[in-house]
Amino acid sequence: MPSAYTGNFRCVILSARQLIFEGEVGSLFISGDRGEYELLAYHYPLIGIVTGDVVINWNKRVPVKGGVVRFFANECTIMMEEKMAEEAPAI
């Protein structure tokens, strides 16, 4: 359920090959090594491991194979490995 809180924070999502996302967001929903959690503006500082997709503002999904997240000073940075498209089976 989306939060009623309306504050925003800066979010940058990077892979080794490209900038995936950069902008102001209201919430991030992350699957991590210790469960799932939502980041809102002014969240307590954290560093964690990302194990699944990231959902931005409850409407945009970023497919993630794995990565790390850092939230500090109302800014979130996620460095990730992209999920590759499944290759067709060899015949």
N, C-alpha and C. Protein backbone atom coordinates (compact mmCIF):
# COMPACT_ATOMS: atom_id res chain seq x y z
N MET A 1 0.84 -1.18 0.00
CA MET A 1 0.00 0.00 0.00
C MET A 1 0.88 1.23 0.00
N PRO A 2 0.68 2.17 -0.92
CA PRO A 2 1.48 3.38 -0.95
C PRO A 2 1.32 4.20 0.32
N SER A 3 2.40 4.86 0.70
CA SER A 3 2.41 5.66 1.91
C SER A 3 1.72 7.01 1.68
N ALA A 4 1.16 7.59 2.73
CA ALA A 4 0.54 8.90 2.64
C ALA A 4 1.58 10.01 2.80
N TYR A 5 2.80 9.66 3.18
CA TYR A 5 3.87 10.64 3.35
C TYR A 5 4.28 11.19 1.99
N THR A 6 4.52 12.50 1.89
CA THR A 6 4.77 13.11 0.59
C THR A 6 6.18 13.66 0.41
N GLY A 7 7.11 13.46 1.33
CA GLY A 7 8.48 13.95 1.17
C GLY A 7 9.21 13.21 0.06
N ASN A 8 10.21 13.83 -0.52
CA ASN A 8 10.99 13.23 -1.59
C ASN A 8 12.46 13.14 -1.21
N PHE A 9 13.19 12.29 -1.92
CA PHE A 9 14.63 12.19 -1.75
C PHE A 9 15.25 11.88 -3.10
N ARG A 10 16.55 12.14 -3.21
CA ARG A 10 17.26 11.89 -4.46
C ARG A 10 17.64 10.43 -4.55
N CYS A 11 17.48 9.86 -5.74
CA CYS A 11 17.80 8.45 -5.97
C CYS A 11 18.63 8.32 -7.24
N VAL A 12 19.71 7.55 -7.14
CA VAL A 12 20.55 7.24 -8.29
C VAL A 12 20.72 5.73 -8.33
N ILE A 13 20.40 5.11 -9.48
CA ILE A 13 20.57 3.68 -9.67
C ILE A 13 21.54 3.49 -10.84
N LEU A 14 22.65 2.81 -10.57
CA LEU A 14 23.72 2.62 -11.56
C LEU A 14 24.02 1.16 -11.76
N SER A 15 24.41 0.82 -12.98
CA SER A 15 25.00 -0.49 -13.24
C SER A 15 26.42 -0.23 -13.72
N ALA A 16 27.18 -1.28 -13.97
CA ALA A 16 28.54 -1.11 -14.45
C ALA A 16 28.56 -0.52 -15.86
N ARG A 17 27.47 -0.66 -16.58
CA ARG A 17 27.42 -0.21 -17.98
C ARG A 17 26.70 1.11 -18.20
N GLN A 18 25.77 1.49 -17.30
CA GLN A 18 24.96 2.68 -17.59
C GLN A 18 24.26 3.23 -16.35
N LEU A 19 23.79 4.46 -16.48
CA LEU A 19 22.94 5.07 -15.48
C LEU A 19 21.52 4.58 -15.75
N ILE A 20 20.92 3.91 -14.77
CA ILE A 20 19.59 3.32 -14.94
C ILE A 20 18.50 4.34 -14.61
N PHE A 21 18.68 5.06 -13.50
CA PHE A 21 17.67 6.02 -13.04
C PHE A 21 18.34 7.10 -12.21
N GLU A 22 17.87 8.33 -12.35
CA GLU A 22 18.31 9.43 -11.49
C GLU A 22 17.16 10.41 -11.36
N GLY A 23 16.81 10.76 -10.14
CA GLY A 23 15.73 11.72 -9.94
C GLY A 23 15.22 11.73 -8.51
N GLU A 24 14.21 12.55 -8.30
CA GLU A 24 13.54 12.66 -7.00
C GLU A 24 12.44 11.61 -6.93
N VAL A 25 12.38 10.89 -5.82
CA VAL A 25 11.35 9.87 -5.64
C VAL A 25 10.69 10.04 -4.27
N GLY A 26 9.51 9.49 -4.16
CA GLY A 26 8.79 9.52 -2.88
C GLY A 26 9.01 8.26 -2.07
N SER A 27 9.23 7.13 -2.76
CA SER A 27 9.48 5.88 -2.06
C SER A 27 10.22 4.89 -2.96
N LEU A 28 10.96 4.00 -2.32
CA LEU A 28 11.61 2.88 -2.99
C LEU A 28 11.25 1.64 -2.21
N PHE A 29 10.86 0.60 -2.90
CA PHE A 29 10.60 -0.69 -2.27
C PHE A 29 11.69 -1.62 -2.73
N ILE A 30 12.44 -2.19 -1.78
CA ILE A 30 13.63 -2.97 -2.08
C ILE A 30 13.53 -4.36 -1.47
N SER A 31 13.92 -5.38 -2.24
CA SER A 31 14.08 -6.73 -1.71
C SER A 31 15.55 -6.88 -1.36
N GLY A 32 15.81 -7.13 -0.08
CA GLY A 32 17.19 -7.23 0.38
C GLY A 32 17.50 -8.57 1.01
N ASP A 33 18.73 -8.71 1.49
CA ASP A 33 19.16 -9.97 2.08
C ASP A 33 18.49 -10.24 3.43
N ARG A 34 17.92 -9.23 4.05
CA ARG A 34 17.23 -9.41 5.33
C ARG A 34 15.74 -9.16 5.23
N GLY A 35 15.20 -9.25 4.02
CA GLY A 35 13.77 -9.06 3.83
C GLY A 35 13.48 -7.91 2.89
N GLU A 36 12.22 -7.53 2.86
CA GLU A 36 11.77 -6.44 2.00
C GLU A 36 11.51 -5.21 2.85
N TYR A 37 11.84 -4.03 2.31
CA TYR A 37 11.60 -2.81 3.05
C TYR A 37 11.36 -1.64 2.10
N GLU A 38 10.75 -0.60 2.64
CA GLU A 38 10.46 0.60 1.89
C GLU A 38 11.29 1.74 2.44
N LEU A 39 11.91 2.51 1.55
CA LEU A 39 12.66 3.69 1.94
C LEU A 39 11.82 4.92 1.64
N LEU A 40 11.70 5.79 2.62
CA LEU A 40 11.02 7.07 2.46
C LEU A 40 12.01 8.18 2.76
N ALA A 41 11.64 9.42 2.48
CA ALA A 41 12.51 10.56 2.75
C ALA A 41 12.94 10.58 4.21
N TYR A 42 14.18 10.93 4.45
CA TYR A 42 14.78 11.06 5.78
C TYR A 42 14.84 9.73 6.53
N HIS A 43 14.91 8.63 5.79
CA HIS A 43 15.08 7.30 6.39
C HIS A 43 16.39 7.28 7.17
N TYR A 44 16.46 6.44 8.17
CA TYR A 44 17.68 6.26 8.94
C TYR A 44 18.79 5.78 8.00
N PRO A 45 20.03 6.28 8.14
CA PRO A 45 21.11 5.83 7.25
C PRO A 45 21.26 4.31 7.24
N LEU A 46 21.52 3.75 6.06
CA LEU A 46 21.68 2.30 5.97
C LEU A 46 22.57 1.92 4.79
N ILE A 47 23.15 0.74 4.89
CA ILE A 47 23.87 0.09 3.81
C ILE A 47 23.36 -1.34 3.78
N GLY A 48 23.00 -1.85 2.61
CA GLY A 48 22.47 -3.20 2.54
C GLY A 48 22.70 -3.84 1.19
N ILE A 49 22.33 -5.10 1.11
CA ILE A 49 22.45 -5.88 -0.11
C ILE A 49 21.09 -5.98 -0.78
N VAL A 50 21.06 -5.74 -2.08
CA VAL A 50 19.83 -5.84 -2.86
C VAL A 50 19.82 -7.20 -3.55
N THR A 51 18.76 -7.96 -3.35
CA THR A 51 18.69 -9.31 -3.93
C THR A 51 17.59 -9.47 -4.98
N GLY A 52 16.77 -8.45 -5.14
CA GLY A 52 15.68 -8.55 -6.11
C GLY A 52 15.35 -7.19 -6.69
N ASP A 53 14.26 -7.13 -7.42
CA ASP A 53 13.87 -5.91 -8.11
C ASP A 53 13.64 -4.74 -7.15
N VAL A 54 13.79 -3.52 -7.69
CA VAL A 54 13.53 -2.28 -6.96
C VAL A 54 12.29 -1.65 -7.59
N VAL A 55 11.35 -1.20 -6.75
CA VAL A 55 10.14 -0.56 -7.24
C VAL A 55 10.18 0.91 -6.83
N ILE A 56 10.07 1.79 -7.82
CA ILE A 56 10.15 3.24 -7.59
C ILE A 56 8.74 3.81 -7.56
N ASN A 57 8.40 4.51 -6.49
CA ASN A 57 7.09 5.17 -6.34
C ASN A 57 5.91 4.24 -6.61
N TRP A 58 6.06 2.97 -6.34
CA TRP A 58 5.01 1.96 -6.47
C TRP A 58 4.49 1.81 -7.89
N ASN A 59 5.24 2.31 -8.91
CA ASN A 59 4.73 2.14 -10.27
C ASN A 59 5.80 1.84 -11.31
N LYS A 60 7.09 1.90 -10.98
CA LYS A 60 8.14 1.57 -11.94
C LYS A 60 9.06 0.52 -11.34
N ARG A 61 9.19 -0.62 -12.03
CA ARG A 61 10.02 -1.72 -11.54
C ARG A 61 11.34 -1.73 -12.30
N VAL A 62 12.45 -1.81 -11.54
CA VAL A 62 13.79 -1.92 -12.12
C VAL A 62 14.28 -3.34 -11.82
N PRO A 63 14.49 -4.16 -12.86
CA PRO A 63 14.94 -5.54 -12.63
C PRO A 63 16.41 -5.56 -12.18
N VAL A 64 16.65 -6.21 -11.04
CA VAL A 64 17.99 -6.25 -10.44
C VAL A 64 18.38 -7.69 -10.18
N LYS A 65 19.58 -8.07 -10.61
CA LYS A 65 20.11 -9.40 -10.32
C LYS A 65 20.73 -9.42 -8.92
N GLY A 66 21.38 -8.33 -8.53
CA GLY A 66 22.01 -8.19 -7.23
C GLY A 66 22.67 -6.83 -7.15
N GLY A 67 23.00 -6.40 -5.95
CA GLY A 67 23.66 -5.11 -5.81
C GLY A 67 23.73 -4.65 -4.36
N VAL A 68 24.08 -3.38 -4.19
CA VAL A 68 24.16 -2.78 -2.86
C VAL A 68 23.39 -1.47 -2.86
N VAL A 69 22.86 -1.12 -1.70
CA VAL A 69 22.12 0.13 -1.53
C VAL A 69 22.75 0.91 -0.38
N ARG A 70 22.81 2.23 -0.55
CA ARG A 70 23.29 3.13 0.51
C ARG A 70 22.32 4.29 0.60
N PHE A 71 21.81 4.54 1.81
CA PHE A 71 20.95 5.69 2.04
C PHE A 71 21.61 6.54 3.11
N PHE A 72 21.91 7.80 2.76
CA PHE A 72 22.56 8.71 3.70
C PHE A 72 22.25 10.14 3.27
N ALA A 73 21.96 11.00 4.23
CA ALA A 73 21.70 12.42 3.99
C ALA A 73 20.61 12.63 2.93
N ASN A 74 19.53 11.87 3.06
CA ASN A 74 18.37 11.96 2.17
C ASN A 74 18.72 11.71 0.71
N GLU A 75 19.69 10.84 0.48
CA GLU A 75 20.08 10.44 -0.87
C GLU A 75 20.31 8.93 -0.89
N CYS A 76 19.74 8.27 -1.89
CA CYS A 76 19.87 6.83 -2.03
C CYS A 76 20.67 6.52 -3.29
N THR A 77 21.69 5.68 -3.13
CA THR A 77 22.48 5.22 -4.27
C THR A 77 22.42 3.70 -4.30
N ILE A 78 22.07 3.16 -5.46
CA ILE A 78 22.04 1.71 -5.64
C ILE A 78 22.98 1.36 -6.78
N MET A 79 23.96 0.52 -6.48
CA MET A 79 24.85 0.01 -7.52
C MET A 79 24.45 -1.44 -7.74
N MET A 80 24.11 -1.78 -8.98
CA MET A 80 23.47 -3.06 -9.23
C MET A 80 24.05 -3.78 -10.43
N GLU A 81 23.75 -5.08 -10.49
CA GLU A 81 24.03 -5.89 -11.66
C GLU A 81 22.70 -6.12 -12.35
N GLU A 82 22.64 -5.82 -13.63
CA GLU A 82 21.40 -5.94 -14.38
C GLU A 82 21.04 -7.39 -14.66
N LYS A 83 19.74 -7.68 -14.70
CA LYS A 83 19.26 -8.98 -15.15
C LYS A 83 19.37 -9.00 -16.66
N MET A 84 19.98 -10.03 -17.18
CA MET A 84 20.11 -10.16 -18.63
C MET A 84 18.88 -10.90 -19.16
N ALA A 85 18.51 -10.57 -20.39
CA ALA A 85 17.38 -11.27 -21.02
C ALA A 85 17.74 -12.74 -21.15
N GLU A 86 16.79 -13.59 -20.88
CA GLU A 86 17.04 -15.03 -20.96
C GLU A 86 17.37 -15.42 -22.39
N GLU A 87 18.44 -16.19 -22.53
CA GLU A 87 18.85 -16.61 -23.86
C GLU A 87 17.99 -17.80 -24.31
N ALA A 88 17.81 -17.87 -25.60
CA ALA A 88 17.03 -19.00 -26.16
C ALA A 88 17.82 -20.28 -25.97
N PRO A 89 17.16 -21.37 -25.65
CA PRO A 89 17.86 -22.64 -25.47
C PRO A 89 18.51 -23.12 -26.78
N ALA A 90 19.67 -23.74 -26.65
CA ALA A 90 20.37 -24.27 -27.84
C ALA A 90 19.61 -25.48 -28.38
N ILE A 91 19.57 -25.59 -29.68
CA ILE A 91 18.86 -26.72 -30.30
C ILE A 91 19.85 -27.75 -30.78
